[in-house]
Amino acid sequence: MPYSKLEVEVRGNYDIRKAWGVPSDAPAGFSDLAYTVRVESAAPEADIRKALDLVDARSFWLDNLRRPTDVRREVADLCSRVK
């Protein structure tokens, strides 16, 4: 499907207090996320919506955001030069 324009805007809300070291019960991350898609295409609107639904269904980023995901930190080649 040909697109003459495709833009995605992502927005989120979060409480910045923890990032600044201020005690807070709020999570350090986003409390919610939203995205807006802007499309310009000669295709019928129904076809565009169907294509966007397919992209959402196959998106690994959306999948990771929608469900809990295990995250591990690995530290490699950590050097301390304390004398």
C-alpha atoms as a PDB file:
ATOM      1  CA  MET A   1       0.000   0.000   0.000  1.00  0.00           C
ATOM      2  CA  PRO A   2       1.591   3.314  -1.014  1.00  0.00           C
ATOM      3  CA  TYR A   3       1.919   6.011   1.625  1.00  0.00           C
ATOM      4  CA  SER A   4       2.845   9.601   0.879  1.00  0.00           C
ATOM      5  CA  LYS A   5       3.223  10.319   4.603  1.00  0.00           C
ATOM      6  CA  LEU A   6       3.430   8.167   7.733  1.00  0.00           C
ATOM      7  CA  GLU A   7       4.133   9.664  11.171  1.00  0.00           C
ATOM      8  CA  VAL A   8       3.923   8.136  14.633  1.00  0.00           C
ATOM      9  CA  GLU A   9       3.873  10.354  17.735  1.00  0.00           C
ATOM     10  CA  VAL A  10       4.372   8.676  21.119  1.00  0.00           C
ATOM     11  CA  ARG A  11       3.397  10.384  24.391  1.00  0.00           C
ATOM     12  CA  GLY A  12       3.731   9.304  27.980  1.00  0.00           C
ATOM     13  CA  ASN A  13       3.094  10.555  31.487  1.00  0.00           C
ATOM     14  CA  TYR A  14       5.407  10.014  34.425  1.00  0.00           C
ATOM     15  CA  ASP A  15       6.205  11.456  37.814  1.00  0.00           C
ATOM     16  CA  ILE A  16       9.712  12.944  37.569  1.00  0.00           C
ATOM     17  CA  ARG A  17      10.352  13.065  41.340  1.00  0.00           C
ATOM     18  CA  LYS A  18      12.272   9.757  41.513  1.00  0.00           C
ATOM     19  CA  ALA A  19      14.565  10.813  38.670  1.00  0.00           C
ATOM     20  CA  TRP A  20      15.553  13.816  40.813  1.00  0.00           C
ATOM     21  CA  GLY A  21      15.992  11.726  43.974  1.00  0.00           C
ATOM     22  CA  VAL A  22      12.824  12.996  45.652  1.00  0.00           C
ATOM     23  CA  PRO A  23      10.985  10.326  47.689  1.00  0.00           C
ATOM     24  CA  SER A  24       7.779   9.252  45.971  1.00  0.00           C
ATOM     25  CA  ASP A  25       5.413   6.275  45.888  1.00  0.00           C
ATOM     26  CA  ALA A  26       4.973   6.793  42.130  1.00  0.00           C
ATOM     27  CA  PRO A  27       6.713   4.353  39.790  1.00  0.00           C
ATOM     28  CA  ALA A  28       9.967   5.498  38.199  1.00  0.00           C
ATOM     29  CA  GLY A  29       8.617   4.766  34.714  1.00  0.00           C
ATOM     30  CA  PHE A  30       5.645   5.881  32.684  1.00  0.00           C
ATOM     31  CA  SER A  31       2.165   5.605  34.159  1.00  0.00           C
ATOM     32  CA  ASP A  32       0.678   5.455  30.660  1.00  0.00           C
ATOM     33  CA  LEU A  33       1.675   5.644  27.013  1.00  0.00           C
ATOM     34  CA  ALA A  34      -0.308   6.641  23.932  1.00  0.00           C
ATOM     35  CA  TYR A  35       0.527   6.959  20.262  1.00  0.00           C
ATOM     36  CA  THR A  36      -1.023   8.786  17.340  1.00  0.00           C
ATOM     37  CA  VAL A  37      -0.552   7.669  13.739  1.00  0.00           C
ATOM     38  CA  ARG A  38      -0.888  10.136  10.862  1.00  0.00           C
ATOM     39  CA  VAL A  39      -1.210   8.629   7.400  1.00  0.00           C
ATOM     40  CA  GLU A  40      -1.548  10.166   3.977  1.00  0.00           C
ATOM     41  CA  SER A  41      -2.395   7.623   1.296  1.00  0.00           C
ATOM     42  CA  ALA A  42      -4.594   7.238  -1.761  1.00  0.00           C
ATOM     43  CA  ALA A  43      -5.789   3.905  -0.328  1.00  0.00           C
ATOM     44  CA  PRO A  44      -9.296   3.620   1.141  1.00  0.00           C
ATOM     45  CA  GLU A  45      -9.526   4.356   4.883  1.00  0.00           C
ATOM     46  CA  ALA A  46     -10.662   0.796   5.628  1.00  0.00           C
ATOM     47  CA  ASP A  47      -7.497  -0.580   3.992  1.00  0.00           C
ATOM     48  CA  ILE A  48      -5.298   1.820   5.948  1.00  0.00           C
ATOM     49  CA  ARG A  49      -6.926   0.846   9.254  1.00  0.00           C
ATOM     50  CA  LYS A  50      -6.560  -2.848   8.399  1.00  0.00           C
ATOM     51  CA  ALA A  51      -2.840  -2.355   7.655  1.00  0.00           C
ATOM     52  CA  LEU A  52      -2.329  -0.447  10.923  1.00  0.00           C
ATOM     53  CA  ASP A  53      -4.095  -3.216  12.868  1.00  0.00           C
ATOM     54  CA  LEU A  54      -1.781  -5.781  11.247  1.00  0.00           C
ATOM     55  CA  VAL A  55       1.305  -3.755  12.157  1.00  0.00           C
ATOM     56  CA  ASP A  56       0.104  -3.433  15.773  1.00  0.00           C
ATOM     57  CA  ALA A  57      -0.518  -7.190  15.979  1.00  0.00           C
ATOM     58  CA  ARG A  58       3.021  -7.957  14.747  1.00  0.00           C
ATOM     59  CA  SER A  59       4.893  -5.236  16.673  1.00  0.00           C
ATOM     60  CA  PHE A  60       7.427  -6.625  19.151  1.00  0.00           C
ATOM     61  CA  TRP A  61       7.667  -3.165  20.767  1.00  0.00           C
ATOM     62  CA  LEU A  62       3.943  -3.060  21.505  1.00  0.00           C
ATOM     63  CA  ASP A  63       4.072  -6.639  22.756  1.00  0.00           C
ATOM     64  CA  ASN A  64       6.925  -5.814  25.151  1.00  0.00           C
ATOM     65  CA  LEU A  65       5.098  -2.748  26.448  1.00  0.00           C
ATOM     66  CA  ARG A  66       1.761  -4.495  26.914  1.00  0.00           C
ATOM     67  CA  ARG A  67       2.977  -7.421  29.009  1.00  0.00           C
ATOM     68  CA  PRO A  68       5.488  -7.895  31.804  1.00  0.00           C
ATOM     69  CA  THR A  69       8.908  -8.690  30.370  1.00  0.00           C
ATOM     70  CA  ASP A  70      11.880 -10.143  32.236  1.00  0.00           C
ATOM     71  CA  VAL A  71      14.835  -7.761  32.173  1.00  0.00           C
ATOM     72  CA  ARG A  72      18.376  -8.698  33.224  1.00  0.00           C
ATOM     73  CA  ARG A  73      21.382  -6.477  33.688  1.00  0.00           C
ATOM     74  CA  GLU A  74      24.715  -7.868  32.588  1.00  0.00           C
ATOM     75  CA  VAL A  75      27.963  -6.137  33.485  1.00  0.00           C
ATOM     76  CA  ALA A  76      30.972  -6.848  31.311  1.00  0.00           C
ATOM     77  CA  ASP A  77      34.570  -5.728  31.676  1.00  0.00           C
ATOM     78  CA  LEU A  78      33.968  -3.645  34.787  1.00  0.00           C
ATOM     79  CA  CYS A  79      37.244  -2.126  35.909  1.00  0.00           C
ATOM     80  CA  SER A  80      37.907  -0.259  39.134  1.00  0.00           C
ATOM     81  CA  ARG A  81      41.006   1.872  39.337  1.00  0.00           C
ATOM     82  CA  VAL A  82      40.835   2.660  43.037  1.00  0.00           C
ATOM     83  CA  LYS A  83      44.320   3.233  44.522  1.00  0.00           C
END
